[in-house]
Amino acid sequence: MLVAFGADPQRCGYSPAQISHCLNDLKTKGVHQESAGAQHLLWLLTQRGHLTLPPREQELLKSHPNIMKLRFHPDRSPVDLLPKDLRKPLFKLYLNTPTAPFAITEKNGCRMIR
C-alpha cells in the first residue's frame, strides 16, 4: 500500500527484497480487504508501473477513488470508535479544509464520509 501511495517502504524498515516479494505475492494471493479497496490498490499499482498483470486482468481493474476518503460504517467502523478527545479536533480540521475531504452521507443504510 505504501508503494501505491508513492511512499518509500524502506523508510518504514522494509528491505528491497521484502518490498519486491510483497508486490509479487499480490499477483497470486491478493489482499484481505473489501473488494473495492483491493481493486483500487491493484489499479494504483498497475497505473504507476509497480505491478504488471496479464492484460485480461488489468482490463477488469477499476479505480475506486471513494475508498481514499474517510468513511464510517455503523457495524464495521463506527464513528464512536474514534477516541472522544480526537473526534472534535479531527472533524474540525477536516471540515475547515478548503477542499473538505469528507462529508457525512447516508447510502444503503451506511453512513459515509466523502
PDB file of N, CA and C in Angstrom:
ATOM      1  N   MET A   1       0.831  -1.185   0.000  1.00  0.00           N
ATOM      2  CA  MET A   1       0.000   0.000   0.000  1.00  0.00           C
ATOM      3  C   MET A   1       0.876   1.250   0.000  1.00  0.00           C
ATOM      4  N   LEU A   2       1.976   1.209   0.726  1.00  0.00           N
ATOM      5  CA  LEU A   2       2.869   2.361   0.752  1.00  0.00           C
ATOM      6  C   LEU A   2       3.357   2.693  -0.655  1.00  0.00           C
ATOM      7  N   VAL A   3       3.726   1.673  -1.413  1.00  0.00           N
ATOM      8  CA  VAL A   3       4.197   1.870  -2.787  1.00  0.00           C
ATOM      9  C   VAL A   3       3.087   2.489  -3.638  1.00  0.00           C
ATOM     10  N   ALA A   4       1.871   2.004  -3.494  1.00  0.00           N
ATOM     11  CA  ALA A   4       0.742   2.513  -4.276  1.00  0.00           C
ATOM     12  C   ALA A   4       0.504   3.998  -4.028  1.00  0.00           C
ATOM     13  N   PHE A   5       0.774   4.463  -2.811  1.00  0.00           N
ATOM     14  CA  PHE A   5       0.549   5.869  -2.471  1.00  0.00           C
ATOM     15  C   PHE A   5       1.775   6.738  -2.699  1.00  0.00           C
ATOM     16  N   GLY A   6       2.843   6.144  -3.252  1.00  0.00           N
ATOM     17  CA  GLY A   6       4.035   6.908  -3.568  1.00  0.00           C
ATOM     18  C   GLY A   6       5.004   7.062  -2.416  1.00  0.00           C
ATOM     19  N   ALA A   7       4.802   6.323  -1.334  1.00  0.00           N
ATOM     20  CA  ALA A   7       5.712   6.377  -0.190  1.00  0.00           C
ATOM     21  C   ALA A   7       6.812   5.324  -0.360  1.00  0.00           C
ATOM     22  N   ASP A   8       7.884   5.498   0.351  1.00  0.00           N
ATOM     23  CA  ASP A   8       9.006   4.566   0.292  1.00  0.00           C
ATOM     24  C   ASP A   8       8.943   3.618   1.488  1.00  0.00           C
ATOM     25  N   PRO A   9       8.592   2.338   1.270  1.00  0.00           N
ATOM     26  CA  PRO A   9       8.501   1.382   2.375  1.00  0.00           C
ATOM     27  C   PRO A   9       9.825   1.183   3.129  1.00  0.00           C
ATOM     28  N   GLN A  10      10.937   1.511   2.502  1.00  0.00           N
ATOM     29  CA  GLN A  10      12.225   1.376   3.181  1.00  0.00           C
ATOM     30  C   GLN A  10      12.314   2.325   4.372  1.00  0.00           C
ATOM     31  N   ARG A  11      11.597   3.436   4.301  1.00  0.00           N
ATOM     32  CA  ARG A  11      11.590   4.376   5.426  1.00  0.00           C
ATOM     33  C   ARG A  11      10.873   3.784   6.629  1.00  0.00           C
ATOM     34  N   CYS A  12      10.083   2.716   6.403  1.00  0.00           N
ATOM     35  CA  CYS A  12       9.384   2.026   7.493  1.00  0.00           C
ATOM     36  C   CYS A  12      10.116   0.743   7.889  1.00  0.00           C
ATOM     37  N   GLY A  13      11.302   0.541   7.334  1.00  0.00           N
ATOM     38  CA  GLY A  13      12.114  -0.604   7.720  1.00  0.00           C
ATOM     39  C   GLY A  13      12.042  -1.808   6.801  1.00  0.00           C
ATOM     40  N   TYR A  14      11.294  -1.721   5.694  1.00  0.00           N
ATOM     41  CA  TYR A  14      11.212  -2.851   4.770  1.00  0.00           C
ATOM     42  C   TYR A  14      12.424  -2.853   3.843  1.00  0.00           C
ATOM     43  N   SER A  15      12.957  -4.044   3.598  1.00  0.00           N
ATOM     44  CA  SER A  15      14.095  -4.167   2.688  1.00  0.00           C
ATOM     45  C   SER A  15      13.582  -4.209   1.245  1.00  0.00           C
ATOM     46  N   PRO A  16      14.441  -3.902   0.270  1.00  0.00           N
ATOM     47  CA  PRO A  16      14.020  -4.001  -1.131  1.00  0.00           C
ATOM     48  C   PRO A  16      13.509  -5.409  -1.479  1.00  0.00           C
ATOM     49  N   ALA A  17      14.120  -6.443  -0.898  1.00  0.00           N
ATOM     50  CA  ALA A  17      13.680  -7.819  -1.155  1.00  0.00           C
ATOM     51  C   ALA A  17      12.270  -8.053  -0.614  1.00  0.00           C
ATOM     52  N   GLN A  18      11.984  -7.533   0.577  1.00  0.00           N
ATOM     53  CA  GLN A  18      10.646  -7.684   1.155  1.00  0.00           C
ATOM     54  C   GLN A  18       9.599  -6.963   0.315  1.00  0.00           C
ATOM     55  N   ILE A  19       9.935  -5.783  -0.156  1.00  0.00           N
ATOM     56  CA  ILE A  19       9.010  -4.996  -0.980  1.00  0.00           C
ATOM     57  C   ILE A  19       8.701  -5.741  -2.270  1.00  0.00           C
ATOM     58  N   SER A  20       9.729  -6.225  -2.916  1.00  0.00           N
ATOM     59  CA  SER A  20       9.557  -6.975  -4.160  1.00  0.00           C
ATOM     60  C   SER A  20       8.729  -8.232  -3.938  1.00  0.00           C
ATOM     61  N   HIS A  21       9.015  -8.933  -2.845  1.00  0.00           N
ATOM     62  CA  HIS A  21       8.283 -10.164  -2.515  1.00  0.00           C
ATOM     63  C   HIS A  21       6.788  -9.865  -2.315  1.00  0.00           C
ATOM     64  N   CYS A  22       6.478  -8.802  -1.588  1.00  0.00           N
ATOM     65  CA  CYS A  22       5.072  -8.433  -1.344  1.00  0.00           C
ATOM     66  C   CYS A  22       4.357  -8.087  -2.641  1.00  0.00           C
ATOM     67  N   LEU A  23       5.005  -7.315  -3.499  1.00  0.00           N
ATOM     68  CA  LEU A  23       4.388  -6.943  -4.771  1.00  0.00           C
ATOM     69  C   LEU A  23       4.140  -8.169  -5.645  1.00  0.00           C
ATOM     70  N   ASN A  24       5.077  -9.102  -5.639  1.00  0.00           N
ATOM     71  CA  ASN A  24       4.895 -10.330  -6.422  1.00  0.00           C
ATOM     72  C   ASN A  24       3.781 -11.197  -5.845  1.00  0.00           C
ATOM     73  N   ASP A  25       3.672 -11.244  -4.524  1.00  0.00           N
ATOM     74  CA  ASP A  25       2.613 -12.035  -3.883  1.00  0.00           C
ATOM     75  C   ASP A  25       1.217 -11.491  -4.169  1.00  0.00           C
ATOM     76  N   LEU A  26       1.123 -10.192  -4.413  1.00  0.00           N
ATOM     77  CA  LEU A  26      -0.183  -9.607  -4.718  1.00  0.00           C
ATOM     78  C   LEU A  26      -0.819 -10.252  -5.940  1.00  0.00           C
ATOM     79  N   LYS A  27       0.012 -10.639  -6.893  1.00  0.00           N
ATOM     80  CA  LYS A  27      -0.499 -11.228  -8.135  1.00  0.00           C
ATOM     81  C   LYS A  27      -1.214 -12.548  -7.886  1.00  0.00           C
ATOM     82  N   THR A  28      -0.729 -13.316  -6.919  1.00  0.00           N
ATOM     83  CA  THR A  28      -1.309 -14.640  -6.683  1.00  0.00           C
ATOM     84  C   THR A  28      -2.170 -14.720  -5.435  1.00  0.00           C
ATOM     85  N   LYS A  29      -1.802 -13.984  -4.399  1.00  0.00           N
ATOM     86  CA  LYS A  29      -2.507 -14.090  -3.122  1.00  0.00           C
ATOM     87  C   LYS A  29      -3.541 -12.992  -2.894  1.00  0.00           C
ATOM     88  N   GLY A  30      -3.382 -11.858  -3.546  1.00  0.00           N
ATOM     89  CA  GLY A  30      -4.291 -10.739  -3.324  1.00  0.00           C
ATOM     90  C   GLY A  30      -4.099 -10.138  -1.946  1.00  0.00           C
ATOM     91  N   VAL A  31      -5.090  -9.382  -1.512  1.00  0.00           N
ATOM     92  CA  VAL A  31      -5.050  -8.750  -0.189  1.00  0.00           C
ATOM     93  C   VAL A  31      -6.359  -9.027   0.537  1.00  0.00           C
ATOM     94  N   HIS A  32      -6.323  -8.940   1.848  1.00  0.00           N
ATOM     95  CA  HIS A  32      -7.517  -9.186   2.670  1.00  0.00           C
ATOM     96  C   HIS A  32      -8.162  -7.859   3.042  1.00  0.00           C
ATOM     97  N   GLN A  33      -8.936  -7.336   2.115  1.00  0.00           N
ATOM     98  CA  GLN A  33      -9.694  -6.125   2.368  1.00  0.00           C
ATOM     99  C   GLN A  33     -10.901  -6.124   1.443  1.00  0.00           C
ATOM    100  N   GLU A  34     -11.799  -5.171   1.631  1.00  0.00           N
ATOM    101  CA  GLU A  34     -13.005  -5.125   0.812  1.00  0.00           C
ATOM    102  C   GLU A  34     -12.628  -5.107  -0.666  1.00  0.00           C
ATOM    103  N   SER A  35     -13.506  -5.635  -1.511  1.00  0.00           N
ATOM    104  CA  SER A  35     -13.177  -5.796  -2.929  1.00  0.00           C
ATOM    105  C   SER A  35     -12.845  -4.472  -3.612  1.00  0.00           C
ATOM    106  N   ALA A  36     -13.587  -3.410  -3.310  1.00  0.00           N
ATOM    107  CA  ALA A  36     -13.298  -2.119  -3.930  1.00  0.00           C
ATOM    108  C   ALA A  36     -11.916  -1.618  -3.518  1.00  0.00           C
ATOM    109  N   GLY A  37     -11.556  -1.801  -2.267  1.00  0.00           N
ATOM    110  CA  GLY A  37     -10.237  -1.384  -1.789  1.00  0.00           C
ATOM    111  C   GLY A  37      -9.123  -2.187  -2.428  1.00  0.00           C
ATOM    112  N   ALA A  38      -9.327  -3.489  -2.536  1.00  0.00           N
ATOM    113  CA  ALA A  38      -8.323  -4.353  -3.165  1.00  0.00           C
ATOM    114  C   ALA A  38      -8.159  -3.993  -4.637  1.00  0.00           C
ATOM    115  N   GLN A  39      -9.279  -3.773  -5.318  1.00  0.00           N
ATOM    116  CA  GLN A  39      -9.219  -3.443  -6.738  1.00  0.00           C
ATOM    117  C   GLN A  39      -8.550  -2.086  -6.950  1.00  0.00           C
ATOM    118  N   HIS A  40      -8.845  -1.127  -6.101  1.00  0.00           N
ATOM    119  CA  HIS A  40      -8.226   0.196  -6.235  1.00  0.00           C
ATOM    120  C   HIS A  40      -6.721   0.113  -5.990  1.00  0.00           C
ATOM    121  N   LEU A  41      -6.313  -0.667  -5.018  1.00  0.00           N
ATOM    122  CA  LEU A  41      -4.884  -0.842  -4.746  1.00  0.00           C
ATOM    123  C   LEU A  41      -4.173  -1.424  -5.965  1.00  0.00           C
ATOM    124  N   LEU A  42      -4.733  -2.484  -6.534  1.00  0.00           N
ATOM    125  CA  LEU A  42      -4.130  -3.082  -7.732  1.00  0.00           C
ATOM    126  C   LEU A  42      -4.133  -2.102  -8.898  1.00  0.00           C
ATOM    127  N   TRP A  43      -5.221  -1.361  -9.043  1.00  0.00           N
ATOM    128  CA  TRP A  43      -5.313  -0.366 -10.107  1.00  0.00           C
ATOM    129  C   TRP A  43      -4.209   0.682  -9.957  1.00  0.00           C
ATOM    130  N   LEU A  44      -4.032   1.204  -8.735  1.00  0.00           N
ATOM    131  CA  LEU A  44      -2.983   2.199  -8.488  1.00  0.00           C
ATOM    132  C   LEU A  44      -1.600   1.644  -8.819  1.00  0.00           C
ATOM    133  N   LEU A  45      -1.333   0.441  -8.355  1.00  0.00           N
ATOM    134  CA  LEU A  45      -0.014  -0.159  -8.586  1.00  0.00           C
ATOM    135  C   LEU A  45       0.266  -0.387 -10.066  1.00  0.00           C
ATOM    136  N   THR A  46      -0.753  -0.809 -10.816  1.00  0.00           N
ATOM    137  CA  THR A  46      -0.537  -1.028 -12.260  1.00  0.00           C
ATOM    138  C   THR A  46      -0.418   0.306 -12.990  1.00  0.00           C
ATOM    139  N   GLN A  47      -1.237   1.291 -12.630  1.00  0.00           N
ATOM    140  CA  GLN A  47      -1.179   2.598 -13.287  1.00  0.00           C
ATOM    141  C   GLN A  47       0.165   3.284 -13.069  1.00  0.00           C
ATOM    142  N   ARG A  48       0.761   3.049 -11.913  1.00  0.00           N
ATOM    143  CA  ARG A  48       2.035   3.699 -11.582  1.00  0.00           C
ATOM    144  C   ARG A  48       3.241   2.838 -11.938  1.00  0.00           C
ATOM    145  N   GLY A  49       2.980   1.702 -12.589  1.00  0.00           N
ATOM    146  CA  GLY A  49       4.071   0.870 -13.094  1.00  0.00           C
ATOM    147  C   GLY A  49       4.774   0.005 -12.061  1.00  0.00           C
ATOM    148  N   HIS A  50       4.153  -0.223 -10.917  1.00  0.00           N
ATOM    149  CA  HIS A  50       4.781  -1.043  -9.867  1.00  0.00           C
ATOM    150  C   HIS A  50       4.351  -2.499  -9.925  1.00  0.00           C
ATOM    151  N   LEU A  51       3.341  -2.791 -10.726  1.00  0.00           N
ATOM    152  CA  LEU A  51       2.805  -4.146 -10.796  1.00  0.00           C
ATOM    153  C   LEU A  51       2.340  -4.392 -12.227  1.00  0.00           C
ATOM    154  N   THR A  52       2.709  -5.559 -12.759  1.00  0.00           N
ATOM    155  CA  THR A  52       2.285  -5.929 -14.103  1.00  0.00           C
ATOM    156  C   THR A  52       1.384  -7.147 -13.998  1.00  0.00           C
ATOM    157  N   LEU A  53       0.198  -7.019 -14.543  1.00  0.00           N
ATOM    158  CA  LEU A  53      -0.771  -8.113 -14.558  1.00  0.00           C
ATOM    159  C   LEU A  53      -1.052  -8.488 -16.014  1.00  0.00           C
ATOM    160  N   PRO A  54      -1.537  -9.700 -16.242  1.00  0.00           N
ATOM    161  CA  PRO A  54      -1.925 -10.063 -17.606  1.00  0.00           C
ATOM    162  C   PRO A  54      -2.957  -9.054 -18.129  1.00  0.00           C
ATOM    163  N   PRO A  55      -2.920  -8.758 -19.436  1.00  0.00           N
ATOM    164  CA  PRO A  55      -3.831  -7.750 -19.994  1.00  0.00           C
ATOM    165  C   PRO A  55      -5.302  -7.977 -19.629  1.00  0.00           C
ATOM    166  N   ARG A  56      -5.736  -9.226 -19.649  1.00  0.00           N
ATOM    167  CA  ARG A  56      -7.143  -9.531 -19.339  1.00  0.00           C
ATOM    168  C   ARG A  56      -7.497  -9.099 -17.905  1.00  0.00           C
ATOM    169  N   GLU A  57      -6.609  -9.394 -16.951  1.00  0.00           N
ATOM    170  CA  GLU A  57      -6.843  -8.999 -15.553  1.00  0.00           C
ATOM    171  C   GLU A  57      -6.777  -7.484 -15.397  1.00  0.00           C
ATOM    172  N   GLN A  58      -5.830  -6.870 -16.088  1.00  0.00           N
ATOM    173  CA  GLN A  58      -5.654  -5.427 -15.979  1.00  0.00           C
ATOM    174  C   GLN A  58      -6.875  -4.686 -16.530  1.00  0.00           C
ATOM    175  N   GLU A  59      -7.493  -5.215 -17.572  1.00  0.00           N
ATOM    176  CA  GLU A  59      -8.687  -4.593 -18.145  1.00  0.00           C
ATOM    177  C   GLU A  59      -9.860  -4.591 -17.174  1.00  0.00           C
ATOM    178  N   LEU A  60      -9.904  -5.563 -16.277  1.00  0.00           N
ATOM    179  CA  LEU A  60     -11.006  -5.680 -15.325  1.00  0.00           C
ATOM    180  C   LEU A  60     -10.876  -4.734 -14.133  1.00  0.00           C
ATOM    181  N   LEU A  61      -9.661  -4.202 -13.919  1.00  0.00           N
ATOM    182  CA  LEU A  61      -9.438  -3.311 -12.781  1.00  0.00           C
ATOM    183  C   LEU A  61     -10.102  -1.964 -13.011  1.00  0.00           C
ATOM    184  N   LYS A  62     -10.635  -1.399 -11.936  1.00  0.00           N
ATOM    185  CA  LYS A  62     -11.251  -0.076 -11.993  1.00  0.00           C
ATOM    186  C   LYS A  62     -10.772   0.749 -10.810  1.00  0.00           C
ATOM    187  N   SER A  63     -10.749   2.027 -11.033  1.00  0.00           N
ATOM    188  CA  SER A  63     -10.439   2.954  -9.956  1.00  0.00           C
ATOM    189  C   SER A  63     -11.661   3.087  -9.054  1.00  0.00           C
ATOM    190  N   HIS A  64     -11.427   3.095  -7.760  1.00  0.00           N
ATOM    191  CA  HIS A  64     -12.485   3.317  -6.770  1.00  0.00           C
ATOM    192  C   HIS A  64     -12.016   4.432  -5.834  1.00  0.00           C
ATOM    193  N   PRO A  65     -12.006   5.680  -6.318  1.00  0.00           N
ATOM    194  CA  PRO A  65     -11.459   6.773  -5.504  1.00  0.00           C
ATOM    195  C   PRO A  65     -12.188   7.003  -4.192  1.00  0.00           C
ATOM    196  N   ASN A  66     -13.432   6.537  -4.075  1.00  0.00           N
ATOM    197  CA  ASN A  66     -14.171   6.736  -2.823  1.00  0.00           C
ATOM    198  C   ASN A  66     -13.509   6.035  -1.645  1.00  0.00           C
ATOM    199  N   ILE A  67     -12.721   4.996  -1.897  1.00  0.00           N
ATOM    200  CA  ILE A  67     -12.085   4.304  -0.776  1.00  0.00           C
ATOM    201  C   ILE A  67     -10.939   5.128  -0.183  1.00  0.00           C
ATOM    202  N   MET A  68     -10.549   6.190  -0.882  1.00  0.00           N
ATOM    203  CA  MET A  68      -9.482   7.050  -0.385  1.00  0.00           C
ATOM    204  C   MET A  68     -10.022   8.098   0.597  1.00  0.00           C
ATOM    205  N   LYS A  69     -11.308   8.088   0.814  1.00  0.00           N
ATOM    206  CA  LYS A  69     -11.944   9.039   1.714  1.00  0.00           C
ATOM    207  C   LYS A  69     -12.127   8.417   3.094  1.00  0.00           C
ATOM    208  N   LEU A  70     -12.287   9.252   4.071  1.00  0.00           N
ATOM    209  CA  LEU A  70     -12.581   8.806   5.424  1.00  0.00           C
ATOM    210  C   LEU A  70     -14.028   8.335   5.452  1.00  0.00           C
ATOM    211  N   ARG A  71     -14.250   7.068   5.836  1.00  0.00           N
ATOM    212  CA  ARG A  71     -15.602   6.502   5.811  1.00  0.00           C
ATOM    213  C   ARG A  71     -15.915   5.834   7.143  1.00  0.00           C
ATOM    214  N   PHE A  72     -17.199   5.876   7.511  1.00  0.00           N
ATOM    215  CA  PHE A  72     -17.653   5.195   8.711  1.00  0.00           C
ATOM    216  C   PHE A  72     -18.795   4.265   8.333  1.00  0.00           C
ATOM    217  N   HIS A  73     -18.776   3.093   8.905  1.00  0.00           N
ATOM    218  CA  HIS A  73     -19.849   2.114   8.704  1.00  0.00           C
ATOM    219  C   HIS A  73     -20.376   1.781  10.098  1.00  0.00           C
ATOM    220  N   PRO A  74     -21.695   1.740  10.269  1.00  0.00           N
ATOM    221  CA  PRO A  74     -22.238   1.544  11.621  1.00  0.00           C
ATOM    222  C   PRO A  74     -21.787   0.257  12.310  1.00  0.00           C
ATOM    223  N   ASP A  75     -21.484  -0.791  11.543  1.00  0.00           N
ATOM    224  CA  ASP A  75     -21.059  -2.058  12.152  1.00  0.00           C
ATOM    225  C   ASP A  75     -19.552  -2.279  12.068  1.00  0.00           C
ATOM    226  N   ARG A  76     -18.972  -1.975  10.920  1.00  0.00           N
ATOM    227  CA  ARG A  76     -17.556  -2.309  10.696  1.00  0.00           C
ATOM    228  C   ARG A  76     -16.577  -1.246  11.184  1.00  0.00           C
ATOM    229  N   SER A  77     -16.968   0.006  11.091  1.00  0.00           N
ATOM    230  CA  SER A  77     -16.082   1.083  11.551  1.00  0.00           C
ATOM    231  C   SER A  77     -16.917   2.273  12.026  1.00  0.00           C
ATOM    232  N   PRO A  78     -17.601   2.110  13.147  1.00  0.00           N
ATOM    233  CA  PRO A  78     -18.454   3.195  13.648  1.00  0.00           C
ATOM    234  C   PRO A  78     -17.640   4.396  14.115  1.00  0.00           C
ATOM    235  N   VAL A  79     -18.218   5.559  13.932  1.00  0.00           N
ATOM    236  CA  VAL A  79     -17.535   6.796  14.300  1.00  0.00           C
ATOM    237  C   VAL A  79     -17.214   6.840  15.792  1.00  0.00           C
ATOM    238  N   ASP A  80     -18.012   6.175  16.609  1.00  0.00           N
ATOM    239  CA  ASP A  80     -17.753   6.238  18.047  1.00  0.00           C
ATOM    240  C   ASP A  80     -16.541   5.413  18.484  1.00  0.00           C
ATOM    241  N   LEU A  81     -15.884   4.739  17.547  1.00  0.00           N
ATOM    242  CA  LEU A  81     -14.627   4.063  17.885  1.00  0.00           C
ATOM    243  C   LEU A  81     -13.452   5.042  17.920  1.00  0.00           C
ATOM    244  N   LEU A  82     -13.639   6.202  17.301  1.00  0.00           N
ATOM    245  CA  LEU A  82     -12.610   7.236  17.414  1.00  0.00           C
ATOM    246  C   LEU A  82     -12.589   7.716  18.860  1.00  0.00           C
ATOM    247  N   PRO A  83     -11.423   7.849  19.452  1.00  0.00           N
ATOM    248  CA  PRO A  83     -11.382   8.366  20.827  1.00  0.00           C
ATOM    249  C   PRO A  83     -12.086   9.723  20.899  1.00  0.00           C
ATOM    250  N   LYS A  84     -12.897   9.899  21.937  1.00  0.00           N
ATOM    251  CA  LYS A  84     -13.700  11.123  22.068  1.00  0.00           C
ATOM    252  C   LYS A  84     -12.848  12.388  22.014  1.00  0.00           C
ATOM    253  N   ASP A  85     -11.683  12.351  22.629  1.00  0.00           N
ATOM    254  CA  ASP A  85     -10.856  13.556  22.653  1.00  0.00           C
ATOM    255  C   ASP A  85     -10.279  13.896  21.283  1.00  0.00           C
ATOM    256  N   LEU A  86     -10.300  12.957  20.341  1.00  0.00           N
ATOM    257  CA  LEU A  86      -9.790  13.221  18.996  1.00  0.00           C
ATOM    258  C   LEU A  86     -10.885  13.608  18.000  1.00  0.00           C
ATOM    259  N   ARG A  87     -12.119  13.210  18.268  1.00  0.00           N
ATOM    260  CA  ARG A  87     -13.202  13.439  17.301  1.00  0.00           C
ATOM    261  C   ARG A  87     -13.361  14.900  16.917  1.00  0.00           C
ATOM    262  N   LYS A  88     -13.576  15.740  17.898  1.00  0.00           N
ATOM    263  CA  LYS A  88     -13.853  17.151  17.604  1.00  0.00           C
ATOM    264  C   LYS A  88     -12.679  17.806  16.864  1.00  0.00           C
ATOM    265  N   PRO A  89     -11.438  17.660  17.338  1.00  0.00           N
ATOM    266  CA  PRO A  89     -10.328  18.299  16.606  1.00  0.00           C
ATOM    267  C   PRO A  89     -10.174  17.757  15.177  1.00  0.00           C
ATOM    268  N   LEU A  90     -10.349  16.447  15.004  1.00  0.00           N
ATOM    269  CA  LEU A  90     -10.214  15.882  13.660  1.00  0.00           C
ATOM    270  C   LEU A  90     -11.308  16.377  12.728  1.00  0.00           C
ATOM    271  N   PHE A  91     -12.547  16.328  13.184  1.00  0.00           N
ATOM    272  CA  PHE A  91     -13.652  16.785  12.345  1.00  0.00           C
ATOM    273  C   PHE A  91     -13.515  18.268  12.035  1.00  0.00           C
ATOM    274  N   LYS A  92     -13.098  19.044  13.025  1.00  0.00           N
ATOM    275  CA  LYS A  92     -12.914  20.479  12.811  1.00  0.00           C
ATOM    276  C   LYS A  92     -11.821  20.724  11.768  1.00  0.00           C
ATOM    277  N   LEU A  93     -10.739  19.983  11.877  1.00  0.00           N
ATOM    278  CA  LEU A  93      -9.641  20.107  10.922  1.00  0.00           C
ATOM    279  C   LEU A  93     -10.113  19.778   9.509  1.00  0.00           C
ATOM    280  N   TYR A  94     -10.784  18.642   9.370  1.00  0.00           N
ATOM    281  CA  TYR A  94     -11.249  18.226   8.049  1.00  0.00           C
ATOM    282  C   TYR A  94     -12.308  19.168   7.477  1.00  0.00           C
ATOM    283  N   LEU A  95     -13.240  19.596   8.299  1.00  0.00           N
ATOM    284  CA  LEU A  95     -14.322  20.446   7.799  1.00  0.00           C
ATOM    285  C   LEU A  95     -13.851  21.852   7.463  1.00  0.00           C
ATOM    286  N   ASN A  96     -12.759  22.301   8.061  1.00  0.00           N
ATOM    287  CA  ASN A  96     -12.219  23.625   7.767  1.00  0.00           C
ATOM    288  C   ASN A  96     -11.213  23.618   6.630  1.00  0.00           C
ATOM    289  N   THR A  97     -10.983  22.448   6.030  1.00  0.00           N
ATOM    290  CA  THR A  97     -10.084  22.341   4.894  1.00  0.00           C
ATOM    291  C   THR A  97     -10.807  22.882   3.670  1.00  0.00           C
ATOM    292  N   PRO A  98     -10.156  23.750   2.876  1.00  0.00           N
ATOM    293  CA  PRO A  98     -10.832  24.313   1.699  1.00  0.00           C
ATOM    294  C   PRO A  98     -11.423  23.253   0.761  1.00  0.00           C
ATOM    295  N   THR A  99     -10.730  22.166   0.588  1.00  0.00           N
ATOM    296  CA  THR A  99     -11.264  21.076  -0.228  1.00  0.00           C
ATOM    297  C   THR A  99     -11.620  19.948   0.713  1.00  0.00           C
ATOM    298  N   ALA A 100     -12.679  20.139   1.465  1.00  0.00           N
ATOM    299  CA  ALA A 100     -13.097  19.188   2.500  1.00  0.00           C
ATOM    300  C   ALA A 100     -13.029  17.753   1.999  1.00  0.00           C
ATOM    301  N   PRO A 101     -12.201  16.917   2.630  1.00  0.00           N
ATOM    302  CA  PRO A 101     -12.031  15.543   2.168  1.00  0.00           C
ATOM    303  C   PRO A 101     -13.174  14.615   2.543  1.00  0.00           C
ATOM    304  N   PHE A 102     -14.166  15.128   3.242  1.00  0.00           N
ATOM    305  CA  PHE A 102     -15.274  14.245   3.566  1.00  0.00           C
ATOM    306  C   PHE A 102     -16.524  15.041   3.894  1.00  0.00           C
ATOM    307  N   ALA A 103     -17.624  14.349   3.820  1.00  0.00           N
ATOM    308  CA  ALA A 103     -18.926  14.854   4.237  1.00  0.00           C
ATOM    309  C   ALA A 103     -19.745  13.651   4.638  1.00  0.00           C
ATOM    310  N   ILE A 104     -20.581  13.796   5.612  1.00  0.00           N
ATOM    311  CA  ILE A 104     -21.380  12.668   6.079  1.00  0.00           C
ATOM    312  C   ILE A 104     -22.585  12.507   5.161  1.00  0.00           C
ATOM    313  N   THR A 105     -22.767  11.304   4.636  1.00  0.00           N
ATOM    314  CA  THR A 105     -23.926  10.999   3.797  1.00  0.00           C
ATOM    315  C   THR A 105     -24.464   9.646   4.199  1.00  0.00           C
ATOM    316  N   GLU A 106     -25.666   9.364   3.800  1.00  0.00           N
ATOM    317  CA  GLU A 106     -26.282   8.047   4.033  1.00  0.00           C
ATOM    318  C   GLU A 106     -26.453   7.372   2.677  1.00  0.00           C
ATOM    319  N   LYS A 107     -25.992   6.159   2.571  1.00  0.00           N
ATOM    320  CA  LYS A 107     -26.155   5.411   1.327  1.00  0.00           C
ATOM    321  C   LYS A 107     -26.344   3.944   1.692  1.00  0.00           C
ATOM    322  N   ASN A 108     -27.447   3.366   1.273  1.00  0.00           N
ATOM    323  CA  ASN A 108     -27.726   1.967   1.564  1.00  0.00           C
ATOM    324  C   ASN A 108     -27.621   1.656   3.059  1.00  0.00           C
ATOM    325  N   GLY A 109     -28.077   2.574   3.891  1.00  0.00           N
ATOM    326  CA  GLY A 109     -28.034   2.349   5.325  1.00  0.00           C
ATOM    327  C   GLY A 109     -26.661   2.516   5.924  1.00  0.00           C
ATOM    328  N   CYS A 110     -25.714   3.026   5.168  1.00  0.00           N
ATOM    329  CA  CYS A 110     -24.337   3.175   5.635  1.00  0.00           C
ATOM    330  C   CYS A 110     -23.979   4.653   5.701  1.00  0.00           C
ATOM    331  N   ARG A 111     -23.560   5.102   6.875  1.00  0.00           N
ATOM    332  CA  ARG A 111     -23.076   6.486   6.982  1.00  0.00           C
ATOM    333  C   ARG A 111     -21.722   6.549   6.348  1.00  0.00           C
ATOM    334  N   MET A 112     -21.552   7.422   5.381  1.00  0.00           N
ATOM    335  CA  MET A 112     -20.263   7.548   4.708  1.00  0.00           C
ATOM    336  C   MET A 112     -19.746   8.965   4.843  1.00  0.00           C
ATOM    337  N   ILE A 113     -18.462   9.085   4.910  1.00  0.00           N
ATOM    338  CA  ILE A 113     -17.798  10.374   4.931  1.00  0.00           C
ATOM    339  C   ILE A 113     -17.115  10.493   3.581  1.00  0.00           C
ATOM    340  N   ARG A 114     -17.486  11.497   2.834  1.00  0.00           N
ATOM    341  CA  ARG A 114     -16.887  11.679   1.497  1.00  0.00           C
ATOM    342  C   ARG A 114     -16.102  12.975   1.476  1.00  0.00           C
TER     343      ARG A 114
END
